[in-house]
Structure formats: C-alpha cells, structure tokens
C-alpha cells in the first residue's frame, strides 16, 4: 500500500442520540468534522461517512458496500 504524502488533518466523529421528552421520538446520527468544519450529512452509515470525507478532500469516490448476514 502506498502512503500518500499529505498534510495532517483532524477528523472528528461525534455520535449523538436524542429522545424527546415523552419518549415517542428518537434522533441519532454522527456529525463528521474535518479540521473543525462540519460536513453536511449527519449519518451513522460508514459508507456515507467515508464518501463524504473523501469527497471533501477532493477525491472522486466510487464506493462498494456489502453486508454479510451470517
């Protein structure tokens, strides 16, 4: 694997889970920040997070995801 020569970046993944006061609604997701800049998609899907990080960094992304239910 070739290591890319790039500057150091800070990636922050902040997961949240909020339930309303009467317990009927629950909101959750992951806020992704790169160098303290919040990316627009709050999601817990790993593929979405990876895609938006790489796109933000200027890469064209083609992502393939599989799910193995064993």
PDB file of N, CA and C in Angstrom:
ATOM      1  N   UNK A   1       0.835  -1.166   0.000  1.00  0.00           N
ATOM      2  CA  UNK A   1       0.000   0.000   0.000  1.00  0.00           C
ATOM      3  C   UNK A   1       0.887   1.239   0.000  1.00  0.00           C
ATOM      4  N   UNK A   2       0.601   2.174  -0.884  1.00  0.00           N
ATOM      5  CA  UNK A   2       1.376   3.394  -0.987  1.00  0.00           C
ATOM      6  C   UNK A   2       0.812   4.451  -0.050  1.00  0.00           C
ATOM      7  N   UNK A   3       1.681   5.056   0.719  1.00  0.00           N
ATOM      8  CA  UNK A   3       1.267   6.117   1.625  1.00  0.00           C
ATOM      9  C   UNK A   3       1.284   7.443   0.870  1.00  0.00           C
ATOM     10  N   UNK A   4       0.153   8.154   0.900  1.00  0.00           N
ATOM     11  CA  UNK A   4       0.067   9.442   0.232  1.00  0.00           C
ATOM     12  C   UNK A   4       0.762  10.499   1.072  1.00  0.00           C
ATOM     13  N   UNK A   5       1.466  11.392   0.419  1.00  0.00           N
ATOM     14  CA  UNK A   5       2.154  12.473   1.112  1.00  0.00           C
ATOM     15  C   UNK A   5       1.211  13.672   1.178  1.00  0.00           C
ATOM     16  N   UNK A   6       0.605  13.878   2.318  1.00  0.00           N
ATOM     17  CA  UNK A   6      -0.354  14.966   2.515  1.00  0.00           C
ATOM     18  C   UNK A   6      -0.132  15.568   3.896  1.00  0.00           C
ATOM     19  N   UNK A   7      -0.699  16.751   4.083  1.00  0.00           N
ATOM     20  CA  UNK A   7      -0.628  17.370   5.400  1.00  0.00           C
ATOM     21  C   UNK A   7      -1.533  16.625   6.378  1.00  0.00           C
ATOM     22  N   UNK A   8      -1.293  16.807   7.643  1.00  0.00           N
ATOM     23  CA  UNK A   8      -2.100  16.173   8.678  1.00  0.00           C
ATOM     24  C   UNK A   8      -3.460  16.866   8.756  1.00  0.00           C
ATOM     25  N   UNK A   9      -4.524  16.075   8.834  1.00  0.00           N
ATOM     26  CA  UNK A   9      -5.864  16.613   9.012  1.00  0.00           C
ATOM     27  C   UNK A   9      -6.476  16.015  10.272  1.00  0.00           C
ATOM     28  N   UNK A  10      -7.415  16.748  10.840  1.00  0.00           N
ATOM     29  CA  UNK A  10      -8.111  16.268  12.032  1.00  0.00           C
ATOM     30  C   UNK A  10      -9.525  15.879  11.618  1.00  0.00           C
ATOM     31  N   UNK A  11      -9.914  14.632  11.872  1.00  0.00           N
ATOM     32  CA  UNK A  11     -11.262  14.155  11.595  1.00  0.00           C
ATOM     33  C   UNK A  11     -11.915  13.823  12.932  1.00  0.00           C
ATOM     34  N   UNK A  12     -13.090  14.410  13.152  1.00  0.00           N
ATOM     35  CA  UNK A  12     -13.835  14.188  14.387  1.00  0.00           C
ATOM     36  C   UNK A  12     -15.175  13.546  14.049  1.00  0.00           C
ATOM     37  N   UNK A  13     -15.486  12.434  14.705  1.00  0.00           N
ATOM     38  CA  UNK A  13     -16.768  11.757  14.558  1.00  0.00           C
ATOM     39  C   UNK A  13     -17.501  11.875  15.885  1.00  0.00           C
ATOM     40  N   UNK A  14     -18.616  12.597  15.893  1.00  0.00           N
ATOM     41  CA  UNK A  14     -19.369  12.834  17.119  1.00  0.00           C
ATOM     42  C   UNK A  14     -20.752  12.198  16.980  1.00  0.00           C
ATOM     43  N   UNK A  15     -20.936  11.051  17.622  1.00  0.00           N
ATOM     44  CA  UNK A  15     -22.222  10.351  17.561  1.00  0.00           C
ATOM     45  C   UNK A  15     -23.186  10.972  18.572  1.00  0.00           C
ATOM     46  N   UNK A  16     -24.452  11.065  18.172  1.00  0.00           N
ATOM     47  CA  UNK A  16     -25.455  11.587  19.088  1.00  0.00           C
ATOM     48  C   UNK A  16     -26.698  10.716  19.050  1.00  0.00           C
ATOM     49  N   UNK A  17     -27.444  10.755  20.154  1.00  0.00           N
ATOM     50  CA  UNK A  17     -28.720  10.066  20.275  1.00  0.00           C
ATOM     51  C   UNK A  17     -29.585  10.924  21.168  1.00  0.00           C
ATOM     52  N   UNK A  18     -30.711  11.368  20.661  1.00  0.00           N
ATOM     53  CA  UNK A  18     -31.615  12.233  21.400  1.00  0.00           C
ATOM     54  C   UNK A  18     -33.008  11.631  21.375  1.00  0.00           C
ATOM     55  N   UNK A  19     -33.634  11.526  22.532  1.00  0.00           N
ATOM     56  CA  UNK A  19     -35.018  11.074  22.642  1.00  0.00           C
ATOM     57  C   UNK A  19     -35.837  12.227  23.200  1.00  0.00           C
ATOM     58  N   UNK A  20     -36.980  12.519  22.557  1.00  0.00           N
ATOM     59  CA  UNK A  20     -37.820  13.627  23.015  1.00  0.00           C
ATOM     60  C   UNK A  20     -38.362  13.352  24.416  1.00  0.00           C
ATOM     61  N   UNK A  21     -38.910  14.379  25.040  1.00  0.00           N
ATOM     62  CA  UNK A  21     -39.309  14.287  26.446  1.00  0.00           C
ATOM     63  C   UNK A  21     -40.388  13.243  26.721  1.00  0.00           C
ATOM     64  N   UNK A  22     -41.280  12.992  25.764  1.00  0.00           N
ATOM     65  CA  UNK A  22     -42.311  11.979  26.022  1.00  0.00           C
ATOM     66  C   UNK A  22     -41.908  10.592  25.507  1.00  0.00           C
ATOM     67  N   UNK A  23     -40.717  10.465  24.934  1.00  0.00           N
ATOM     68  CA  UNK A  23     -40.180   9.174  24.531  1.00  0.00           C
ATOM     69  C   UNK A  23     -40.691   8.617  23.221  1.00  0.00           C
ATOM     70  N   UNK A  24     -41.483   9.401  22.484  1.00  0.00           N
ATOM     71  CA  UNK A  24     -42.054   8.864  21.240  1.00  0.00           C
ATOM     72  C   UNK A  24     -41.112   8.994  20.046  1.00  0.00           C
ATOM     73  N   UNK A  25     -40.141   9.887  20.138  1.00  0.00           N
ATOM     74  CA  UNK A  25     -39.245  10.133  19.002  1.00  0.00           C
ATOM     75  C   UNK A  25     -37.797   9.951  19.417  1.00  0.00           C
ATOM     76  N   UNK A  26     -37.014   9.402  18.520  1.00  0.00           N
ATOM     77  CA  UNK A  26     -35.590   9.244  18.767  1.00  0.00           C
ATOM     78  C   UNK A  26     -34.825   9.692  17.528  1.00  0.00           C
ATOM     79  N   UNK A  27     -33.825  10.517  17.723  1.00  0.00           N
ATOM     80  CA  UNK A  27     -32.985  11.013  16.636  1.00  0.00           C
ATOM     81  C   UNK A  27     -31.551  10.604  16.925  1.00  0.00           C
ATOM     82  N   UNK A  28     -30.853  10.115  15.909  1.00  0.00           N
ATOM     83  CA  UNK A  28     -29.469   9.720  16.107  1.00  0.00           C
ATOM     84  C   UNK A  28     -28.694   9.930  14.820  1.00  0.00           C
ATOM     85  N   UNK A  29     -27.409   9.996  14.952  1.00  0.00           N
ATOM     86  CA  UNK A  29     -26.553  10.170  13.792  1.00  0.00           C
ATOM     87  C   UNK A  29     -25.121  10.397  14.216  1.00  0.00           C
ATOM     88  N   UNK A  30     -24.298  10.750  13.274  1.00  0.00           N
ATOM     89  CA  UNK A  30     -22.900  11.055  13.526  1.00  0.00           C
ATOM     90  C   UNK A  30     -22.559  12.341  12.794  1.00  0.00           C
ATOM     91  N   UNK A  31     -22.076  13.318  13.539  1.00  0.00           N
ATOM     92  CA  UNK A  31     -21.609  14.568  12.957  1.00  0.00           C
ATOM     93  C   UNK A  31     -20.135  14.368  12.622  1.00  0.00           C
ATOM     94  N   UNK A  32     -19.768  14.606  11.369  1.00  0.00           N
ATOM     95  CA  UNK A  32     -18.383  14.461  10.930  1.00  0.00           C
ATOM     96  C   UNK A  32     -17.794  15.845  10.712  1.00  0.00           C
ATOM     97  N   UNK A  33     -16.624  16.089  11.303  1.00  0.00           N
ATOM     98  CA  UNK A  33     -15.918  17.354  11.118  1.00  0.00           C
ATOM     99  C   UNK A  33     -14.521  17.067  10.603  1.00  0.00           C
ATOM    100  N   UNK A  34     -14.079  17.891   9.663  1.00  0.00           N
ATOM    101  CA  UNK A  34     -12.702  17.845   9.180  1.00  0.00           C
ATOM    102  C   UNK A  34     -12.087  19.200   9.478  1.00  0.00           C
ATOM    103  N   UNK A  35     -11.030  19.195  10.279  1.00  0.00           N
ATOM    104  CA  UNK A  35     -10.385  20.434  10.708  1.00  0.00           C
ATOM    105  C   UNK A  35     -11.411  21.447  11.202  1.00  0.00           C
ATOM    106  N   UNK A  36     -12.324  20.986  12.059  1.00  0.00           N
ATOM    107  CA  UNK A  36     -13.367  21.798  12.702  1.00  0.00           C
ATOM    108  C   UNK A  36     -14.440  22.316  11.746  1.00  0.00           C
ATOM    109  N   UNK A  37     -14.501  21.818  10.511  1.00  0.00           N
ATOM    110  CA  UNK A  37     -15.560  22.176   9.571  1.00  0.00           C
ATOM    111  C   UNK A  37     -16.545  21.023   9.528  1.00  0.00           C
ATOM    112  N   UNK A  38     -17.806  21.322   9.885  1.00  0.00           N
ATOM    113  CA  UNK A  38     -18.838  20.290   9.941  1.00  0.00           C
ATOM    114  C   UNK A  38     -19.321  19.940   8.537  1.00  0.00           C
ATOM    115  N   UNK A  39     -19.305  18.642   8.211  1.00  0.00           N
ATOM    116  CA  UNK A  39     -19.799  18.178   6.927  1.00  0.00           C
ATOM    117  C   UNK A  39     -21.323  18.082   6.981  1.00  0.00           C
ATOM    118  N   UNK A  40     -21.996  18.228   5.832  1.00  0.00           N
ATOM    119  CA  UNK A  40     -23.453  18.385   5.840  1.00  0.00           C
ATOM    120  C   UNK A  40     -24.265  17.149   6.203  1.00  0.00           C
ATOM    121  N   UNK A  41     -23.775  15.974   5.934  1.00  0.00           N
ATOM    122  CA  UNK A  41     -24.591  14.772   6.137  1.00  0.00           C
ATOM    123  C   UNK A  41     -24.320  14.166   7.510  1.00  0.00           C
ATOM    124  N   UNK A  42     -25.330  14.157   8.375  1.00  0.00           N
ATOM    125  CA  UNK A  42     -25.230  13.520   9.691  1.00  0.00           C
ATOM    126  C   UNK A  42     -25.789  12.117   9.535  1.00  0.00           C
ATOM    127  N   UNK A  43     -24.946  11.120   9.640  1.00  0.00           N
ATOM    128  CA  UNK A  43     -25.329   9.769   9.303  1.00  0.00           C
ATOM    129  C   UNK A  43     -24.524   8.801  10.137  1.00  0.00           C
ATOM    130  N   UNK A  44     -25.019   7.591  10.338  1.00  0.00           N
ATOM    131  CA  UNK A  44     -24.244   6.563  11.018  1.00  0.00           C
ATOM    132  C   UNK A  44     -23.756   5.497  10.061  1.00  0.00           C
ATOM    133  N   UNK A  45     -24.075   5.628   8.800  1.00  0.00           N
ATOM    134  CA  UNK A  45     -23.626   4.669   7.798  1.00  0.00           C
ATOM    135  C   UNK A  45     -22.160   4.930   7.467  1.00  0.00           C
ATOM    136  N   UNK A  46     -21.329   3.918   7.666  1.00  0.00           N
ATOM    137  CA  UNK A  46     -19.891   4.062   7.463  1.00  0.00           C
ATOM    138  C   UNK A  46     -19.572   4.488   6.028  1.00  0.00           C
ATOM    139  N   UNK A  47     -20.265   3.906   5.056  1.00  0.00           N
ATOM    140  CA  UNK A  47     -20.020   4.257   3.657  1.00  0.00           C
ATOM    141  C   UNK A  47     -20.290   5.719   3.369  1.00  0.00           C
ATOM    142  N   UNK A  48     -21.373   6.254   3.928  1.00  0.00           N
ATOM    143  CA  UNK A  48     -21.700   7.663   3.743  1.00  0.00           C
ATOM    144  C   UNK A  48     -20.638   8.556   4.366  1.00  0.00           C
ATOM    145  N   UNK A  49     -20.198   8.201   5.556  1.00  0.00           N
ATOM    146  CA  UNK A  49     -19.172   8.991   6.239  1.00  0.00           C
ATOM    147  C   UNK A  49     -17.864   8.984   5.438  1.00  0.00           C
ATOM    148  N   UNK A  50     -17.419   7.803   5.015  1.00  0.00           N
ATOM    149  CA  UNK A  50     -16.166   7.696   4.250  1.00  0.00           C
ATOM    150  C   UNK A  50     -16.276   8.464   2.934  1.00  0.00           C
ATOM    151  N   UNK A  51     -17.392   8.316   2.241  1.00  0.00           N
ATOM    152  CA  UNK A  51     -17.586   9.001   0.958  1.00  0.00           C
ATOM    153  C   UNK A  51     -17.540  10.514   1.109  1.00  0.00           C
ATOM    154  N   UNK A  52     -18.233  11.045   2.126  1.00  0.00           N
ATOM    155  CA  UNK A  52     -18.248  12.493   2.252  1.00  0.00           C
ATOM    156  C   UNK A  52     -16.894  13.041   2.700  1.00  0.00           C
ATOM    157  N   UNK A  53     -16.157  12.285   3.508  1.00  0.00           N
ATOM    158  CA  UNK A  53     -14.817  12.721   3.904  1.00  0.00           C
ATOM    159  C   UNK A  53     -13.902  12.776   2.682  1.00  0.00           C
ATOM    160  N   UNK A  54     -13.885  11.713   1.886  1.00  0.00           N
ATOM    161  CA  UNK A  54     -13.016  11.682   0.708  1.00  0.00           C
ATOM    162  C   UNK A  54     -13.435  12.731  -0.321  1.00  0.00           C
ATOM    163  N   UNK A  55     -14.728  12.930  -0.515  1.00  0.00           N
ATOM    164  CA  UNK A  55     -15.204  13.959  -1.444  1.00  0.00           C
ATOM    165  C   UNK A  55     -14.775  15.345  -0.981  1.00  0.00           C
ATOM    166  N   UNK A  56     -14.905  15.598   0.315  1.00  0.00           N
ATOM    167  CA  UNK A  56     -14.478  16.885   0.870  1.00  0.00           C
ATOM    168  C   UNK A  56     -12.995  17.122   0.612  1.00  0.00           C
ATOM    169  N   UNK A  57     -12.213  16.045   0.670  1.00  0.00           N
ATOM    170  CA  UNK A  57     -10.764  16.159   0.450  1.00  0.00           C
ATOM    171  C   UNK A  57     -10.391  16.216  -1.025  1.00  0.00           C
ATOM    172  N   UNK A  58     -11.399  16.158  -1.911  1.00  0.00           N
ATOM    173  CA  UNK A  58     -11.144  16.340  -3.329  1.00  0.00           C
ATOM    174  C   UNK A  58     -11.049  15.074  -4.148  1.00  0.00           C
ATOM    175  N   UNK A  59     -11.395  13.950  -3.576  1.00  0.00           N
ATOM    176  CA  UNK A  59     -11.335  12.689  -4.305  1.00  0.00           C
ATOM    177  C   UNK A  59     -12.682  12.368  -4.945  1.00  0.00           C
ATOM    178  N   UNK A  60     -12.636  11.777  -6.124  1.00  0.00           N
ATOM    179  CA  UNK A  60     -13.838  11.230  -6.736  1.00  0.00           C
ATOM    180  C   UNK A  60     -14.022   9.847  -6.127  1.00  0.00           C
ATOM    181  N   UNK A  61     -15.215   9.573  -5.617  1.00  0.00           N
ATOM    182  CA  UNK A  61     -15.428   8.353  -4.838  1.00  0.00           C
ATOM    183  C   UNK A  61     -16.414   7.428  -5.531  1.00  0.00           C
ATOM    184  N   UNK A  62     -16.017   6.189  -5.656  1.00  0.00           N
ATOM    185  CA  UNK A  62     -16.928   5.116  -6.083  1.00  0.00           C
ATOM    186  C   UNK A  62     -16.849   4.076  -4.970  1.00  0.00           C
ATOM    187  N   UNK A  63     -17.908   3.957  -4.207  1.00  0.00           N
ATOM    188  CA  UNK A  63     -17.912   3.103  -3.030  1.00  0.00           C
ATOM    189  C   UNK A  63     -18.764   1.868  -3.262  1.00  0.00           C
ATOM    190  N   UNK A  64     -18.240   0.744  -2.848  1.00  0.00           N
ATOM    191  CA  UNK A  64     -18.973  -0.512  -2.936  1.00  0.00           C
ATOM    192  C   UNK A  64     -19.148  -1.048  -1.516  1.00  0.00           C
ATOM    193  N   UNK A  65     -20.385  -1.306  -1.109  1.00  0.00           N
ATOM    194  CA  UNK A  65     -20.640  -1.829   0.217  1.00  0.00           C
ATOM    195  C   UNK A  65     -21.298  -3.205   0.113  1.00  0.00           C
ATOM    196  N   UNK A  66     -20.932  -4.091   1.017  1.00  0.00           N
ATOM    197  CA  UNK A  66     -21.591  -5.395   1.088  1.00  0.00           C
ATOM    198  C   UNK A  66     -21.994  -5.640   2.528  1.00  0.00           C
ATOM    199  N   UNK A  67     -23.013  -6.443   2.699  1.00  0.00           N
ATOM    200  CA  UNK A  67     -23.477  -6.824   4.023  1.00  0.00           C
ATOM    201  C   UNK A  67     -23.574  -8.338   4.058  1.00  0.00           C
ATOM    202  N   UNK A  68     -22.865  -8.926   4.998  1.00  0.00           N
ATOM    203  CA  UNK A  68     -22.877 -10.380   5.132  1.00  0.00           C
ATOM    204  C   UNK A  68     -23.613 -10.745   6.406  1.00  0.00           C
ATOM    205  N   UNK A  69     -24.748 -11.378   6.266  1.00  0.00           N
ATOM    206  CA  UNK A  69     -25.564 -11.791   7.404  1.00  0.00           C
ATOM    207  C   UNK A  69     -25.325 -13.274   7.664  1.00  0.00           C
ATOM    208  N   UNK A  70     -24.395 -13.550   8.570  1.00  0.00           N
ATOM    209  CA  UNK A  70     -24.059 -14.939   8.874  1.00  0.00           C
ATOM    210  C   UNK A  70     -24.706 -15.385  10.151  1.00  0.00           C
TER     211      UNK A  70
END
